[in-house]
Each structure stands twice: as C-alpha cells, then as structure tokens.
Amino acid sequence: MPLSNARGQLKSARGLPISTRLLNETHRRLMRGVRGANKQPGEIRPSQNWIGGTRPGNAVFVPAPPEELPALLTNFENYLTRKMGYRRWCVLGWRTFSSRPPSLPRW
C-alpha cells in the first residue's frame, strides 16, 4: 500500500523524512496501474497545466508554473517539517498538493 509505505518511511529512523522525495515516491506508488500511470508519476511536471478552458488564459484554475515548483515545494517541505504533526501534515499536504499539482494530470 502506498500510504502505508509513506507512514513506514516517516516512522523509521532510517526512512525518508517529510520531503519532496517522499511525496514523489508516494505519488509514483499511487499511480501504478491506474489511468495516467504513463504521465511521469512521481516526477515534477516539466510543463504548465490547467483546469478548464483550452489554454491557461481562459482556464478556471492555473497552478504555479513548472519553473517555480522546486522553490515552492522546498518552502512547503520546510513548513511541514517545522510546524506540523503527522496527521496535520497529511491533511494540509494533500490539500496543498492538490491545489498546486507538481505532477502532470491523469487525463
């Protein structure tokens, strides 16, 4: 199970800390065998995406551009590491990750 792997990584003294690497690895595992499995799961997206509309200019929602993602994810990782417990990290992490998708969409 992908999420049990993430929990195990966080609990283990030798596991991954809360990090972009852990988020990417969890995303890679979650995307196995589902629609979008061929869309670079577990990798930071190299191109702009959007929701609704035919281009970013008329889209309903446009997340951060790909060139800003490394800095945004580092800031996010630092915030979660300093300020959050595990459960809050999961809730806020999912919410933030969903609204600023660093990976390509599944469709």
Protein backbone atom coordinates (compact mmCIF):
# COMPACT_ATOMS: atom_id res chain seq x y z
CA MET A 1 0.00 0.00 0.00
CA PRO A 2 1.48 3.36 -1.00
CA LEU A 3 0.29 5.25 2.06
CA SER A 4 1.41 2.58 4.48
CA ASN A 5 4.83 2.82 2.82
CA ALA A 6 4.86 6.58 3.45
CA ARG A 7 3.85 6.04 7.08
CA GLY A 8 6.59 3.45 7.45
CA GLN A 9 9.16 5.82 5.97
CA LEU A 10 8.16 8.56 8.40
CA LYS A 11 8.21 6.25 11.44
CA SER A 12 11.51 4.54 10.67
CA ALA A 13 14.74 6.10 11.92
CA ARG A 14 16.25 5.14 8.55
CA GLY A 15 13.22 6.15 6.48
CA LEU A 16 12.63 9.24 4.41
CA PRO A 17 11.68 12.43 6.26
CA ILE A 18 8.76 14.62 5.19
CA SER A 19 10.17 15.70 1.86
CA THR A 20 9.55 16.24 -1.81
CA ARG A 21 11.29 12.92 -2.38
CA LEU A 22 8.77 11.14 -0.12
CA LEU A 23 5.83 12.89 -1.85
CA ASN A 24 7.18 11.90 -5.26
CA GLU A 25 7.75 8.29 -4.21
CA THR A 26 4.22 8.09 -2.76
CA HIS A 27 2.76 9.60 -5.94
CA ARG A 28 4.71 7.08 -8.05
CA ARG A 29 3.26 4.20 -5.99
CA LEU A 30 -0.29 5.61 -6.02
CA MET A 31 -0.25 5.91 -9.80
CA ARG A 32 0.72 2.28 -10.50
CA GLY A 33 -1.91 0.51 -12.60
CA VAL A 34 -4.32 3.46 -12.90
CA ARG A 35 -5.23 5.92 -15.62
CA GLY A 36 -2.31 8.30 -16.01
CA ALA A 37 0.32 5.75 -14.99
CA ASN A 38 2.24 6.77 -18.13
CA LYS A 39 2.20 10.51 -17.27
CA GLN A 40 5.53 10.67 -15.39
CA PRO A 41 4.22 9.64 -11.97
CA GLY A 42 6.43 10.74 -9.12
CA GLU A 43 8.19 13.41 -11.17
CA ILE A 44 7.88 17.17 -11.04
CA ARG A 45 5.93 18.25 -14.10
CA PRO A 46 8.00 19.90 -16.84
CA SER A 47 5.12 21.82 -18.44
CA GLN A 48 2.28 24.12 -17.43
CA ASN A 49 -1.11 22.53 -16.83
CA TRP A 50 -4.53 23.99 -16.13
CA ILE A 51 -8.10 23.03 -15.34
CA GLY A 52 -10.97 24.06 -17.60
CA GLY A 53 -10.61 26.10 -20.75
CA THR A 54 -8.41 25.47 -23.75
CA ARG A 55 -5.33 27.34 -22.55
CA PRO A 56 -4.07 28.99 -19.34
CA GLY A 57 -5.55 32.34 -20.42
CA ASN A 58 -9.16 31.09 -20.26
CA ALA A 59 -8.71 28.34 -17.67
CA VAL A 60 -10.73 28.08 -14.47
CA PHE A 61 -7.57 27.31 -12.47
CA VAL A 62 -3.88 27.57 -13.36
CA PRO A 63 -1.39 26.21 -10.79
CA ALA A 64 2.13 27.53 -10.38
CA PRO A 65 4.38 27.31 -13.45
CA PRO A 66 6.89 24.45 -13.50
CA GLU A 67 9.92 26.68 -13.04
CA GLU A 68 8.53 27.84 -9.67
CA LEU A 69 7.79 24.34 -8.34
CA PRO A 70 11.21 23.48 -6.86
CA ALA A 71 11.22 26.59 -4.64
CA LEU A 72 7.52 26.20 -3.73
CA LEU A 73 7.96 22.54 -2.81
CA THR A 74 11.06 23.34 -0.74
CA ASN A 75 9.14 26.04 1.16
CA PHE A 76 6.22 23.64 1.64
CA GLU A 77 8.55 20.89 2.87
CA ASN A 78 10.27 23.25 5.31
CA TYR A 79 6.94 24.48 6.67
CA LEU A 80 5.60 20.97 7.18
CA THR A 81 8.80 19.79 8.83
CA ARG A 82 8.91 22.67 11.31
CA LYS A 83 5.27 23.27 12.13
CA MET A 84 3.18 20.16 11.68
CA GLY A 85 2.46 16.84 13.30
CA TYR A 86 1.94 13.81 11.08
CA ARG A 87 -1.88 13.98 10.83
CA ARG A 88 -1.93 17.70 10.15
CA TRP A 89 0.84 17.17 7.62
CA CYS A 90 -1.33 14.63 5.77
CA VAL A 91 -4.37 16.91 5.65
CA LEU A 92 -2.56 20.10 4.73
CA GLY A 93 -0.19 18.24 2.45
CA TRP A 94 -3.00 16.70 0.44
CA ARG A 95 -4.88 20.00 0.21
CA THR A 96 -1.83 21.97 -0.87
CA PHE A 97 -0.53 19.25 -3.16
CA SER A 98 -3.93 19.04 -4.88
CA SER A 99 -4.18 22.78 -5.47
CA ARG A 100 -0.59 23.10 -6.68
CA PRO A 101 -0.12 19.89 -8.62
CA PRO A 102 3.57 19.32 -9.24
CA SER A 103 2.83 16.29 -11.43
CA LEU A 104 1.01 16.00 -14.71
CA PRO A 105 -2.76 15.34 -14.55
CA ARG A 106 -4.06 11.81 -15.06
CA TRP A 107 -6.26 12.51 -18.07
